[in-house]
PDB file of N, CA and C in Angstrom:
ATOM      1  N   UNK A   1      79.812  93.796 109.642  1.00  0.00           N
ATOM      2  CA  UNK A   1      79.867  95.227 109.539  1.00  0.00           C
ATOM      3  C   UNK A   1      79.948  95.614 108.064  1.00  0.00           C
ATOM      4  N   UNK A   2      79.101  96.536 107.672  1.00  0.00           N
ATOM      5  CA  UNK A   2      79.095  97.044 106.306  1.00  0.00           C
ATOM      6  C   UNK A   2      79.389  98.534 106.359  1.00  0.00           C
ATOM      7  N   UNK A   3      80.269  98.968 105.458  1.00  0.00           N
ATOM      8  CA  UNK A   3      80.632 100.383 105.411  1.00  0.00           C
ATOM      9  C   UNK A   3      80.884 100.766 103.958  1.00  0.00           C
ATOM     10  N   UNK A   4      80.375 101.924 103.564  1.00  0.00           N
ATOM     11  CA  UNK A   4      80.691 102.486 102.246  1.00  0.00           C
ATOM     12  C   UNK A   4      81.428 103.790 102.476  1.00  0.00           C
ATOM     13  N   UNK A   5      82.682 103.811 102.053  1.00  0.00           N
ATOM     14  CA  UNK A   5      83.523 105.006 102.178  1.00  0.00           C
ATOM     15  C   UNK A   5      83.703 105.611 100.796  1.00  0.00           C
ATOM     16  N   UNK A   6      83.531 106.924 100.702  1.00  0.00           N
ATOM     17  CA  UNK A   6      83.757 107.638  99.451  1.00  0.00           C
ATOM     18  C   UNK A   6      84.900 108.609  99.690  1.00  0.00           C
ATOM     19  N   UNK A   7      86.023 108.369  99.012  1.00  0.00           N
ATOM     20  CA  UNK A   7      87.219 109.195  99.155  1.00  0.00           C
ATOM     21  C   UNK A   7      87.656 109.610  97.757  1.00  0.00           C
ATOM     22  N   UNK A   8      87.278 110.822  97.373  1.00  0.00           N
ATOM     23  CA  UNK A   8      87.554 111.264  96.008  1.00  0.00           C
ATOM     24  C   UNK A   8      86.755 110.415  95.050  1.00  0.00           C
ATOM     25  N   UNK A   9      87.412 109.835  94.069  1.00  0.00           N
ATOM     26  CA  UNK A   9      86.702 109.007  93.092  1.00  0.00           C
ATOM     27  C   UNK A   9      86.646 107.529  93.493  1.00  0.00           C
ATOM     28  N   UNK A  10      87.249 107.179  94.627  1.00  0.00           N
ATOM     29  CA  UNK A  10      87.274 105.785  95.073  1.00  0.00           C
ATOM     30  C   UNK A  10      86.124 105.492  96.024  1.00  0.00           C
ATOM     31  N   UNK A  11      85.272 104.548  95.637  1.00  0.00           N
ATOM     32  CA  UNK A  11      84.208 104.062  96.503  1.00  0.00           C
ATOM     33  C   UNK A  11      84.663 102.722  97.057  1.00  0.00           C
ATOM     34  N   UNK A  12      84.714 102.603  98.384  1.00  0.00           N
ATOM     35  CA  UNK A  12      85.140 101.369  99.027  1.00  0.00           C
ATOM     36  C   UNK A  12      83.984 100.814  99.830  1.00  0.00           C
ATOM     37  N   UNK A  13      83.508  99.644  99.424  1.00  0.00           N
ATOM     38  CA  UNK A  13      82.419  98.958 100.103  1.00  0.00           C
ATOM     39  C   UNK A  13      83.004  97.768 100.844  1.00  0.00           C
ATOM     40  N   UNK A  14      82.848  97.783 102.173  1.00  0.00           N
ATOM     41  CA  UNK A  14      83.368  96.692 103.006  1.00  0.00           C
ATOM     42  C   UNK A  14      82.215  95.918 103.639  1.00  0.00           C
ATOM     43  N   UNK A  15      82.341  94.600 103.634  1.00  0.00           N
ATOM     44  CA  UNK A  15      81.376  93.701 104.270  1.00  0.00           C
ATOM     45  C   UNK A  15      82.228  92.696 105.041  1.00  0.00           C
ATOM     46  N   UNK A  16      82.522  93.025 106.297  1.00  0.00           N
ATOM     47  CA  UNK A  16      83.526  92.310 107.083  1.00  0.00           C
ATOM     48  C   UNK A  16      83.017  91.972 108.484  1.00  0.00           C
ATOM     49  N   UNK A  17      83.702  91.045 109.163  1.00  0.00           N
ATOM     50  CA  UNK A  17      83.378  90.789 110.570  1.00  0.00           C
ATOM     51  C   UNK A  17      83.682  92.029 111.402  1.00  0.00           C
ATOM     52  N   UNK A  18      83.040  92.204 112.506  1.00  0.00           N
ATOM     53  CA  UNK A  18      82.016  91.317 113.066  1.00  0.00           C
ATOM     54  C   UNK A  18      80.702  91.500 112.313  1.00  0.00           C
ATOM     55  N   UNK A  19      80.068  90.387 111.964  1.00  0.00           N
ATOM     56  CA  UNK A  19      78.804  90.426 111.242  1.00  0.00           C
ATOM     57  C   UNK A  19      77.663  90.714 112.218  1.00  0.00           C
ATOM     58  N   UNK A  20      76.676  91.471 111.737  1.00  0.00           N
ATOM     59  CA  UNK A  20      75.547  91.849 112.581  1.00  0.00           C
ATOM     60  C   UNK A  20      74.235  91.551 111.860  1.00  0.00           C
ATOM     61  N   UNK A  21      73.150  91.649 112.585  1.00  0.00           N
ATOM     62  CA  UNK A  21      71.832  91.384 112.015  1.00  0.00           C
ATOM     63  C   UNK A  21      71.443  92.381 110.930  1.00  0.00           C
ATOM     64  N   UNK A  22      72.026  93.563 110.943  1.00  0.00           N
ATOM     65  CA  UNK A  22      71.649  94.591 109.957  1.00  0.00           C
ATOM     66  C   UNK A  22      72.536  94.583 108.718  1.00  0.00           C
ATOM     67  N   UNK A  23      73.499  93.673 108.648  1.00  0.00           N
ATOM     68  CA  UNK A  23      74.452  93.683 107.532  1.00  0.00           C
ATOM     69  C   UNK A  23      73.782  93.576 106.170  1.00  0.00           C
ATOM     70  N   UNK A  24      72.822  92.677 106.016  1.00  0.00           N
ATOM     71  CA  UNK A  24      72.190  92.515 104.706  1.00  0.00           C
ATOM     72  C   UNK A  24      71.517  93.811 104.272  1.00  0.00           C
ATOM     73  N   UNK A  25      70.725  94.404 105.136  1.00  0.00           N
ATOM     74  CA  UNK A  25      70.043  95.651 104.803  1.00  0.00           C
ATOM     75  C   UNK A  25      71.065  96.758 104.542  1.00  0.00           C
ATOM     76  N   UNK A  26      72.108  96.843 105.365  1.00  0.00           N
ATOM     77  CA  UNK A  26      73.141  97.866 105.182  1.00  0.00           C
ATOM     78  C   UNK A  26      73.885  97.680 103.857  1.00  0.00           C
ATOM     79  N   UNK A  27      74.173  96.426 103.510  1.00  0.00           N
ATOM     80  CA  UNK A  27      74.861  96.125 102.256  1.00  0.00           C
ATOM     81  C   UNK A  27      74.009  96.536 101.061  1.00  0.00           C
ATOM     82  N   UNK A  28      72.747  96.150 101.075  1.00  0.00           N
ATOM     83  CA  UNK A  28      71.856  96.494  99.964  1.00  0.00           C
ATOM     84  C   UNK A  28      71.661  98.001  99.856  1.00  0.00           C
ATOM     85  N   UNK A  29      71.604  98.697 100.986  1.00  0.00           N
ATOM     86  CA  UNK A  29      71.502 100.167 100.972  1.00  0.00           C
ATOM     87  C   UNK A  29      72.771 100.785 100.393  1.00  0.00           C
ATOM     88  N   UNK A  30      73.926 100.208 100.716  1.00  0.00           N
ATOM     89  CA  UNK A  30      75.192 100.707 100.163  1.00  0.00           C
ATOM     90  C   UNK A  30      75.226 100.508  98.648  1.00  0.00           C
ATOM     91  N   UNK A  31      74.711  99.374  98.175  1.00  0.00           N
ATOM     92  CA  UNK A  31      74.651  99.153  96.727  1.00  0.00           C
ATOM     93  C   UNK A  31      73.806 100.230  96.052  1.00  0.00           C
ATOM     94  N   UNK A  32      72.701 100.594  96.679  1.00  0.00           N
ATOM     95  CA  UNK A  32      71.855 101.657  96.118  1.00  0.00           C
ATOM     96  C   UNK A  32      72.662 102.944  95.989  1.00  0.00           C
ATOM     97  N   UNK A  33      73.423 103.274  97.016  1.00  0.00           N
ATOM     98  CA  UNK A  33      74.250 104.488  96.961  1.00  0.00           C
ATOM     99  C   UNK A  33      75.282 104.404  95.836  1.00  0.00           C
ATOM    100  N   UNK A  34      75.907 103.242  95.677  1.00  0.00           N
ATOM    101  CA  UNK A  34      76.869 103.066  94.583  1.00  0.00           C
ATOM    102  C   UNK A  34      76.154 103.267  93.248  1.00  0.00           C
ATOM    103  N   UNK A  35      74.985 102.683  93.108  1.00  0.00           N
ATOM    104  CA  UNK A  35      74.231 102.776  91.864  1.00  0.00           C
ATOM    105  C   UNK A  35      73.735 104.177  91.542  1.00  0.00           C
ATOM    106  N   UNK A  36      73.729 105.053  92.539  1.00  0.00           N
ATOM    107  CA  UNK A  36      73.289 106.437  92.336  1.00  0.00           C
ATOM    108  C   UNK A  36      74.458 107.412  92.231  1.00  0.00           C
ATOM    109  N   UNK A  37      75.679 106.929  92.411  1.00  0.00           N
ATOM    110  CA  UNK A  37      76.838 107.830  92.408  1.00  0.00           C
ATOM    111  C   UNK A  37      76.952 108.496  91.044  1.00  0.00           C
ATOM    112  N   UNK A  38      76.914 109.814  91.027  1.00  0.00           N
ATOM    113  CA  UNK A  38      76.792 110.561  89.773  1.00  0.00           C
ATOM    114  C   UNK A  38      78.115 110.891  89.092  1.00  0.00           C
ATOM    115  N   UNK A  39      79.219 110.792  89.794  1.00  0.00           N
ATOM    116  CA  UNK A  39      80.524 111.134  89.229  1.00  0.00           C
ATOM    117  C   UNK A  39      81.267 109.861  88.826  1.00  0.00           C
ATOM    118  N   UNK A  40      82.223 109.948  87.901  1.00  0.00           N
ATOM    119  CA  UNK A  40      83.051 108.785  87.572  1.00  0.00           C
ATOM    120  C   UNK A  40      83.766 108.274  88.830  1.00  0.00           C
ATOM    121  N   UNK A  41      83.889 106.959  88.949  1.00  0.00           N
ATOM    122  CA  UNK A  41      84.477 106.383  90.154  1.00  0.00           C
ATOM    123  C   UNK A  41      85.159 105.058  89.870  1.00  0.00           C
ATOM    124  N   UNK A  42      85.961 104.641  90.840  1.00  0.00           N
ATOM    125  CA  UNK A  42      86.530 103.309  90.875  1.00  0.00           C
ATOM    126  C   UNK A  42      85.861 102.624  92.071  1.00  0.00           C
ATOM    127  N   UNK A  43      85.578 101.336  91.949  1.00  0.00           N
ATOM    128  CA  UNK A  43      84.882 100.611  93.004  1.00  0.00           C
ATOM    129  C   UNK A  43      85.765  99.514  93.576  1.00  0.00           C
ATOM    130  N   UNK A  44      85.984  99.583  94.879  1.00  0.00           N
ATOM    131  CA  UNK A  44      86.713  98.553  95.618  1.00  0.00           C
ATOM    132  C   UNK A  44      85.722  97.896  96.566  1.00  0.00           C
ATOM    133  N   UNK A  45      85.526  96.595  96.432  1.00  0.00           N
ATOM    134  CA  UNK A  45      84.685  95.863  97.373  1.00  0.00           C
ATOM    135  C   UNK A  45      85.576  94.902  98.144  1.00  0.00           C
ATOM    136  N   UNK A  46      85.400  94.902  99.460  1.00  0.00           N
ATOM    137  CA  UNK A  46      86.209  94.056 100.335  1.00  0.00           C
ATOM    138  C   UNK A  46      85.254  93.204 101.155  1.00  0.00           C
ATOM    139  N   UNK A  47      85.313  91.904 100.934  1.00  0.00           N
ATOM    140  CA  UNK A  47      84.435  90.960 101.622  1.00  0.00           C
ATOM    141  C   UNK A  47      85.267  90.045 102.511  1.00  0.00           C
ATOM    142  N   UNK A  48      84.778  89.800 103.722  1.00  0.00           N
ATOM    143  CA  UNK A  48      85.482  88.937 104.658  1.00  0.00           C
ATOM    144  C   UNK A  48      85.256  87.462 104.424  1.00  0.00           C
ATOM    145  N   UNK A  49      84.255  87.133 103.629  1.00  0.00           N
ATOM    146  CA  UNK A  49      84.008  85.733 103.299  1.00  0.00           C
ATOM    147  C   UNK A  49      82.974  85.061 104.173  1.00  0.00           C
ATOM    148  N   UNK A  50      82.567  85.687 105.280  1.00  0.00           N
ATOM    149  CA  UNK A  50      81.625  85.032 106.173  1.00  0.00           C
ATOM    150  C   UNK A  50      80.216  85.569 106.092  1.00  0.00           C
ATOM    151  N   UNK A  51      80.051  86.786 105.633  1.00  0.00           N
ATOM    152  CA  UNK A  51      78.721  87.376 105.537  1.00  0.00           C
ATOM    153  C   UNK A  51      77.961  86.786 104.365  1.00  0.00           C
ATOM    154  N   UNK A  52      76.735  86.449 104.593  1.00  0.00           N
ATOM    155  CA  UNK A  52      75.922  85.851 103.533  1.00  0.00           C
ATOM    156  C   UNK A  52      74.603  86.592 103.418  1.00  0.00           C
ATOM    157  N   UNK A  53      74.062  86.616 102.212  1.00  0.00           N
ATOM    158  CA  UNK A  53      72.748  87.197 101.978  1.00  0.00           C
ATOM    159  C   UNK A  53      71.695  86.094 102.025  1.00  0.00           C
ATOM    160  N   UNK A  54      70.517  86.458 102.473  1.00  0.00           N
ATOM    161  CA  UNK A  54      69.377  85.546 102.437  1.00  0.00           C
ATOM    162  C   UNK A  54      68.956  85.369 100.984  1.00  0.00           C
ATOM    163  N   UNK A  55      68.110  84.381 100.685  1.00  0.00           N
ATOM    164  CA  UNK A  55      67.613  84.259  99.310  1.00  0.00           C
ATOM    165  C   UNK A  55      66.934  85.551  98.834  1.00  0.00           C
ATOM    166  N   UNK A  56      66.188  86.232  99.706  1.00  0.00           N
ATOM    167  CA  UNK A  56      65.562  87.505  99.325  1.00  0.00           C
ATOM    168  C   UNK A  56      66.631  88.564  99.061  1.00  0.00           C
ATOM    169  N   UNK A  57      67.688  88.575  99.871  1.00  0.00           N
ATOM    170  CA  UNK A  57      68.789  89.511  99.663  1.00  0.00           C
ATOM    171  C   UNK A  57      69.524  89.244  98.361  1.00  0.00           C
ATOM    172  N   UNK A  58      69.719  87.970  98.040  1.00  0.00           N
ATOM    173  CA  UNK A  58      70.351  87.601  96.762  1.00  0.00           C
ATOM    174  C   UNK A  58      69.517  88.103  95.587  1.00  0.00           C
ATOM    175  N   UNK A  59      68.195  87.949  95.683  1.00  0.00           N
ATOM    176  CA  UNK A  59      67.314  88.438  94.616  1.00  0.00           C
ATOM    177  C   UNK A  59      67.404  89.951  94.489  1.00  0.00           C
ATOM    178  N   UNK A  60      67.407  90.634  95.638  1.00  0.00           N
ATOM    179  CA  UNK A  60      67.490  92.096  95.605  1.00  0.00           C
ATOM    180  C   UNK A  60      68.817  92.557  95.008  1.00  0.00           C
ATOM    181  N   UNK A  61      69.892  91.853  95.345  1.00  0.00           N
ATOM    182  CA  UNK A  61      71.198  92.182  94.763  1.00  0.00           C
ATOM    183  C   UNK A  61      71.169  91.970  93.250  1.00  0.00           C
ATOM    184  N   UNK A  62      70.583  90.871  92.788  1.00  0.00           N
ATOM    185  CA  UNK A  62      70.497  90.600  91.355  1.00  0.00           C
ATOM    186  C   UNK A  62      69.666  91.676  90.650  1.00  0.00           C
ATOM    187  N   UNK A  63      68.583  92.089  91.270  1.00  0.00           N
ATOM    188  CA  UNK A  63      67.764  93.160  90.694  1.00  0.00           C
ATOM    189  C   UNK A  63      68.539  94.468  90.643  1.00  0.00           C
ATOM    190  N   UNK A  64      69.375  94.714  91.664  1.00  0.00           N
ATOM    191  CA  UNK A  64      70.209  95.912  91.673  1.00  0.00           C
ATOM    192  C   UNK A  64      71.182  95.880  90.492  1.00  0.00           C
ATOM    193  N   UNK A  65      71.849  94.722  90.277  1.00  0.00           N
ATOM    194  CA  UNK A  65      72.776  94.597  89.148  1.00  0.00           C
ATOM    195  C   UNK A  65      72.061  94.928  87.841  1.00  0.00           C
ATOM    196  N   UNK A  66      70.872  94.375  87.663  1.00  0.00           N
ATOM    197  CA  UNK A  66      70.122  94.605  86.434  1.00  0.00           C
ATOM    198  C   UNK A  66      69.707  96.071  86.301  1.00  0.00           C
ATOM    199  N   UNK A  67      69.190  96.647  87.373  1.00  0.00           N
ATOM    200  CA  UNK A  67      68.676  98.021  87.330  1.00  0.00           C
ATOM    201  C   UNK A  67      69.772  99.066  87.150  1.00  0.00           C
ATOM    202  N   UNK A  68      70.974  98.788  87.640  1.00  0.00           N
ATOM    203  CA  UNK A  68      72.041  99.788  87.613  1.00  0.00           C
ATOM    204  C   UNK A  68      73.120  99.493  86.575  1.00  0.00           C
ATOM    205  N   UNK A  69      72.964  98.428  85.829  1.00  0.00           N
ATOM    206  CA  UNK A  69      74.017  98.022  84.880  1.00  0.00           C
ATOM    207  C   UNK A  69      74.454  99.177  83.977  1.00  0.00           C
ATOM    208  N   UNK A  70      73.520  99.877  83.380  1.00  0.00           N
ATOM    209  CA  UNK A  70      73.860 100.966  82.463  1.00  0.00           C
ATOM    210  C   UNK A  70      74.573 102.100  83.198  1.00  0.00           C
ATOM    211  N   UNK A  71      74.017 102.514  84.332  1.00  0.00           N
ATOM    212  CA  UNK A  71      74.605 103.626  85.090  1.00  0.00           C
ATOM    213  C   UNK A  71      76.015 103.274  85.581  1.00  0.00           C
ATOM    214  N   UNK A  72      76.154 102.118  86.196  1.00  0.00           N
ATOM    215  CA  UNK A  72      77.466 101.728  86.725  1.00  0.00           C
ATOM    216  C   UNK A  72      78.455 101.532  85.582  1.00  0.00           C
ATOM    217  N   UNK A  73      78.007 100.936  84.490  1.00  0.00           N
ATOM    218  CA  UNK A  73      78.901 100.729  83.344  1.00  0.00           C
ATOM    219  C   UNK A  73      79.403 102.049  82.784  1.00  0.00           C
ATOM    220  N   UNK A  74      78.586 103.077  82.850  1.00  0.00           N
ATOM    221  CA  UNK A  74      78.961 104.396  82.351  1.00  0.00           C
ATOM    222  C   UNK A  74      79.880 105.138  83.315  1.00  0.00           C
ATOM    223  N   UNK A  75      79.655 104.992  84.603  1.00  0.00           N
ATOM    224  CA  UNK A  75      80.359 105.799  85.594  1.00  0.00           C
ATOM    225  C   UNK A  75      81.560 105.114  86.262  1.00  0.00           C
ATOM    226  N   UNK A  76      81.567 103.804  86.302  1.00  0.00           N
ATOM    227  CA  UNK A  76      82.655 103.094  86.997  1.00  0.00           C
ATOM    228  C   UNK A  76      83.810 102.832  86.035  1.00  0.00           C
ATOM    229  N   UNK A  77      84.978 103.372  86.363  1.00  0.00           N
ATOM    230  CA  UNK A  77      86.169 103.213  85.508  1.00  0.00           C
ATOM    231  C   UNK A  77      86.774 101.825  85.645  1.00  0.00           C
ATOM    232  N   UNK A  78      86.724 101.268  86.866  1.00  0.00           N
ATOM    233  CA  UNK A  78      87.320  99.963  87.142  1.00  0.00           C
ATOM    234  C   UNK A  78      86.771  99.459  88.468  1.00  0.00           C
ATOM    235  N   UNK A  79      86.779  98.138  88.630  1.00  0.00           N
ATOM    236  CA  UNK A  79      86.292  97.532  89.866  1.00  0.00           C
ATOM    237  C   UNK A  79      87.278  96.469  90.326  1.00  0.00           C
ATOM    238  N   UNK A  80      87.424  96.377  91.634  1.00  0.00           N
ATOM    239  CA  UNK A  80      88.281  95.355  92.232  1.00  0.00           C
ATOM    240  C   UNK A  80      87.514  94.707  93.372  1.00  0.00           C
ATOM    241  N   UNK A  81      87.483  93.388  93.364  1.00  0.00           N
ATOM    242  CA  UNK A  81      86.816  92.612  94.393  1.00  0.00           C
ATOM    243  C   UNK A  81      87.897  91.922  95.206  1.00  0.00           C
ATOM    244  N   UNK A  82      87.875  92.153  96.509  1.00  0.00           N
ATOM    245  CA  UNK A  82      88.843  91.524  97.406  1.00  0.00           C
ATOM    246  C   UNK A  82      88.060  90.584  98.309  1.00  0.00           C
ATOM    247  N   UNK A  83      88.451  89.321  98.295  1.00  0.00           N
ATOM    248  CA  UNK A  83      87.796  88.343  99.174  1.00  0.00           C
ATOM    249  C   UNK A  83      88.664  87.104  99.287  1.00  0.00           C
ATOM    250  N   UNK A  84      88.521  86.382 100.382  1.00  0.00           N
ATOM    251  CA  UNK A  84      89.264  85.132 100.527  1.00  0.00           C
ATOM    252  C   UNK A  84      88.894  84.173  99.399  1.00  0.00           C
ATOM    253  N   UNK A  85      89.879  83.518  98.845  1.00  0.00           N
ATOM    254  CA  UNK A  85      89.641  82.549  97.784  1.00  0.00           C
ATOM    255  C   UNK A  85      89.373  83.155  96.423  1.00  0.00           C
ATOM    256  N   UNK A  86      89.580  84.455  96.271  1.00  0.00           N
ATOM    257  CA  UNK A  86      89.382  85.085  94.968  1.00  0.00           C
ATOM    258  C   UNK A  86      90.252  84.388  93.934  1.00  0.00           C
ATOM    259  N   UNK A  87      89.681  84.200  92.733  1.00  0.00           N
ATOM    260  CA  UNK A  87      90.423  83.500  91.689  1.00  0.00           C
ATOM    261  C   UNK A  87      89.948  83.956  90.304  1.00  0.00           C
ATOM    262  N   UNK A  88      90.569  83.432  89.268  1.00  0.00           N
ATOM    263  CA  UNK A  88      90.252  83.837  87.892  1.00  0.00           C
ATOM    264  C   UNK A  88      88.812  83.487  87.514  1.00  0.00           C
ATOM    265  N   UNK A  89      88.304  82.348  87.985  1.00  0.00           N
ATOM    266  CA  UNK A  89      86.930  81.964  87.654  1.00  0.00           C
ATOM    267  C   UNK A  89      85.943  82.994  88.217  1.00  0.00           C
ATOM    268  N   UNK A  90      86.161  83.429  89.442  1.00  0.00           N
ATOM    269  CA  UNK A  90      85.320  84.456  90.052  1.00  0.00           C
ATOM    270  C   UNK A  90      85.418  85.748  89.244  1.00  0.00           C
ATOM    271  N   UNK A  91      86.635  86.090  88.871  1.00  0.00           N
ATOM    272  CA  UNK A  91      86.866  87.298  88.069  1.00  0.00           C
ATOM    273  C   UNK A  91      86.107  87.214  86.748  1.00  0.00           C
ATOM    274  N   UNK A  92      86.169  86.078  86.088  1.00  0.00           N
ATOM    275  CA  UNK A  92      85.474  85.901  84.812  1.00  0.00           C
ATOM    276  C   UNK A  92      83.961  86.030  84.973  1.00  0.00           C
ATOM    277  N   UNK A  93      83.424  85.530  86.081  1.00  0.00           N
ATOM    278  CA  UNK A  93      81.985  85.647  86.336  1.00  0.00           C
ATOM    279  C   UNK A  93      81.584  87.112  86.434  1.00  0.00           C
ATOM    280  N   UNK A  94      82.338  87.897  87.195  1.00  0.00           N
ATOM    281  CA  UNK A  94      82.010  89.313  87.345  1.00  0.00           C
ATOM    282  C   UNK A  94      82.257  90.094  86.063  1.00  0.00           C
ATOM    283  N   UNK A  95      83.239  89.661  85.265  1.00  0.00           N
ATOM    284  CA  UNK A  95      83.492  90.343  83.993  1.00  0.00           C
ATOM    285  C   UNK A  95      82.326  90.167  83.028  1.00  0.00           C
ATOM    286  N   UNK A  96      81.511  89.150  83.226  1.00  0.00           N
ATOM    287  CA  UNK A  96      80.307  88.977  82.407  1.00  0.00           C
ATOM    288  C   UNK A  96      79.235  89.987  82.806  1.00  0.00           C
ATOM    289  N   UNK A  97      79.269  90.464  84.042  1.00  0.00           N
ATOM    290  CA  UNK A  97      78.287  91.432  84.534  1.00  0.00           C
ATOM    291  C   UNK A  97      78.652  92.862  84.176  1.00  0.00           C
ATOM    292  N   UNK A  98      79.942  93.163  84.177  1.00  0.00           N
ATOM    293  CA  UNK A  98      80.390  94.551  84.017  1.00  0.00           C
ATOM    294  C   UNK A  98      81.405  94.657  82.886  1.00  0.00           C
ATOM    295  N   UNK A  99      81.318  95.734  82.083  1.00  0.00           N
ATOM    296  CA  UNK A  99      82.251  95.898  80.972  1.00  0.00           C
ATOM    297  C   UNK A  99      83.574  96.566  81.354  1.00  0.00           C
ATOM    298  N   UNK A 100      83.639  97.174  82.545  1.00  0.00           N
ATOM    299  CA  UNK A 100      84.851  97.908  82.922  1.00  0.00           C
ATOM    300  C   UNK A 100      85.973  96.936  83.320  1.00  0.00           C
ATOM    301  N   UNK A 101      87.222  97.414  83.332  1.00  0.00           N
ATOM    302  CA  UNK A 101      88.309  96.568  83.819  1.00  0.00           C
ATOM    303  C   UNK A 101      87.995  96.109  85.244  1.00  0.00           C
ATOM    304  N   UNK A 102      88.218  94.840  85.515  1.00  0.00           N
ATOM    305  CA  UNK A 102      87.831  94.259  86.797  1.00  0.00           C
ATOM    306  C   UNK A 102      88.808  93.168  87.189  1.00  0.00           C
ATOM    307  N   UNK A 103      89.117  93.102  88.485  1.00  0.00           N
ATOM    308  CA  UNK A 103      89.930  92.010  89.016  1.00  0.00           C
ATOM    309  C   UNK A 103      89.284  91.475  90.282  1.00  0.00           C
ATOM    310  N   UNK A 104      89.557  90.213  90.573  1.00  0.00           N
ATOM    311  CA  UNK A 104      89.181  89.588  91.840  1.00  0.00           C
ATOM    312  C   UNK A 104      90.478  89.094  92.466  1.00  0.00           C
ATOM    313  N   UNK A 105      90.784  89.621  93.643  1.00  0.00           N
ATOM    314  CA  UNK A 105      92.062  89.341  94.301  1.00  0.00           C
ATOM    315  C   UNK A 105      91.853  89.048  95.781  1.00  0.00           C
ATOM    316  N   UNK A 106      92.850  88.478  96.397  1.00  0.00           N
ATOM    317  CA  UNK A 106      92.822  88.287  97.845  1.00  0.00           C
ATOM    318  C   UNK A 106      93.520  89.430  98.574  1.00  0.00           C
ATOM    319  N   UNK A 107      94.285  90.235  97.857  1.00  0.00           N
ATOM    320  CA  UNK A 107      95.119  91.265  98.465  1.00  0.00           C
ATOM    321  C   UNK A 107      94.574  92.665  98.186  1.00  0.00           C
ATOM    322  N   UNK A 108      94.219  93.399  99.242  1.00  0.00           N
ATOM    323  CA  UNK A 108      93.655  94.742  99.065  1.00  0.00           C
ATOM    324  C   UNK A 108      94.675  95.724  98.496  1.00  0.00           C
ATOM    325  N   UNK A 109      95.935  95.598  98.859  1.00  0.00           N
ATOM    326  CA  UNK A 109      96.951  96.507  98.335  1.00  0.00           C
ATOM    327  C   UNK A 109      97.071  96.360  96.822  1.00  0.00           C
ATOM    328  N   UNK A 110      97.070  95.131  96.334  1.00  0.00           N
ATOM    329  CA  UNK A 110      97.138  94.893  94.888  1.00  0.00           C
ATOM    330  C   UNK A 110      95.878  95.419  94.204  1.00  0.00           C
ATOM    331  N   UNK A 111      94.728  95.270  94.844  1.00  0.00           N
ATOM    332  CA  UNK A 111      93.475  95.775  94.279  1.00  0.00           C
ATOM    333  C   UNK A 111      93.509  97.296  94.174  1.00  0.00           C
ATOM    334  N   UNK A 112      94.016  97.952  95.207  1.00  0.00           N
ATOM    335  CA  UNK A 112      94.122  99.414  95.183  1.00  0.00           C
ATOM    336  C   UNK A 112      95.075  99.871  94.074  1.00  0.00           C
ATOM    337  N   UNK A 113      96.161  99.148  93.864  1.00  0.00           N
ATOM    338  CA  UNK A 113      97.113  99.494  92.798  1.00  0.00           C
ATOM    339  C   UNK A 113      96.439  99.347  91.426  1.00  0.00           C
ATOM    340  N   UNK A 114      95.656  98.293  91.246  1.00  0.00           N
ATOM    341  CA  UNK A 114      94.914  98.101  90.000  1.00  0.00           C
ATOM    342  C   UNK A 114      93.977  99.282  89.751  1.00  0.00           C
ATOM    343  N   UNK A 115      93.231  99.683  90.769  1.00  0.00           N
ATOM    344  CA  UNK A 115      92.293 100.796  90.621  1.00  0.00           C
ATOM    345  C   UNK A 115      93.007 102.113  90.368  1.00  0.00           C
ATOM    346  N   UNK A 116      94.126 102.322  91.043  1.00  0.00           N
ATOM    347  CA  UNK A 116      94.902 103.562  90.839  1.00  0.00           C
ATOM    348  C   UNK A 116      95.373 103.651  89.382  1.00  0.00           C
ATOM    349  N   UNK A 117      95.717 102.533  88.796  1.00  0.00           N
ATOM    350  CA  UNK A 117      96.172 102.521  87.397  1.00  0.00           C
ATOM    351  C   UNK A 117      95.041 102.876  86.430  1.00  0.00           C
ATOM    352  N   UNK A 118      93.789 102.743  86.866  1.00  0.00           N
ATOM    353  CA  UNK A 118      92.643 103.038  85.999  1.00  0.00           C
ATOM    354  C   UNK A 118      91.944 104.337  86.347  1.00  0.00           C
ATOM    355  N   UNK A 119      92.468 105.052  87.330  1.00  0.00           N
ATOM    356  CA  UNK A 119      91.856 106.324  87.745  1.00  0.00           C
ATOM    357  C   UNK A 119      91.983 107.335  86.606  1.00  0.00           C
ATOM    358  N   UNK A 120      90.877 107.896  86.226  1.00  0.00           N
ATOM    359  CA  UNK A 120      90.891 108.940  85.197  1.00  0.00           C
ATOM    360  C   UNK A 120      91.080 108.428  83.792  1.00  0.00           C
ATOM    361  N   UNK A 121      90.901 107.108  83.562  1.00  0.00           N
ATOM    362  CA  UNK A 121      91.119 106.569  82.223  1.00  0.00           C
ATOM    363  C   UNK A 121      89.840 106.456  81.422  1.00  0.00           C
ATOM    364  N   UNK A 122      88.705 106.776  82.011  1.00  0.00           N
ATOM    365  CA  UNK A 122      87.449 106.652  81.247  1.00  0.00           C
ATOM    366  C   UNK A 122      86.799 108.017  81.087  1.00  0.00           C
TER     367      UNK A 122
END
């Protein structure tokens, strides 16, 4: 199941069980919406760890990162990635993609606290 919730300046993208055949397309469509968000925002992504992208989906995601890097870097105040097994190495990988404050955590409450601390700081 993929869902993009927009609540004020917080964009929450979830990719969680139960997984369905449309998850990849729904996820990539949600990324497009994030990449078009015109107001400053904080981004929370929550992954269940079981959903996977096809090689074509991985390429499309990489192209999205490249195409939206400037826009997201300008508009996103902070990002938090929540997923099983999140660690510093994962965090460092994503910090190479994005210049904003970013964390990778296993705990959604801690991720939300991180984002709240960066709300309105950019």
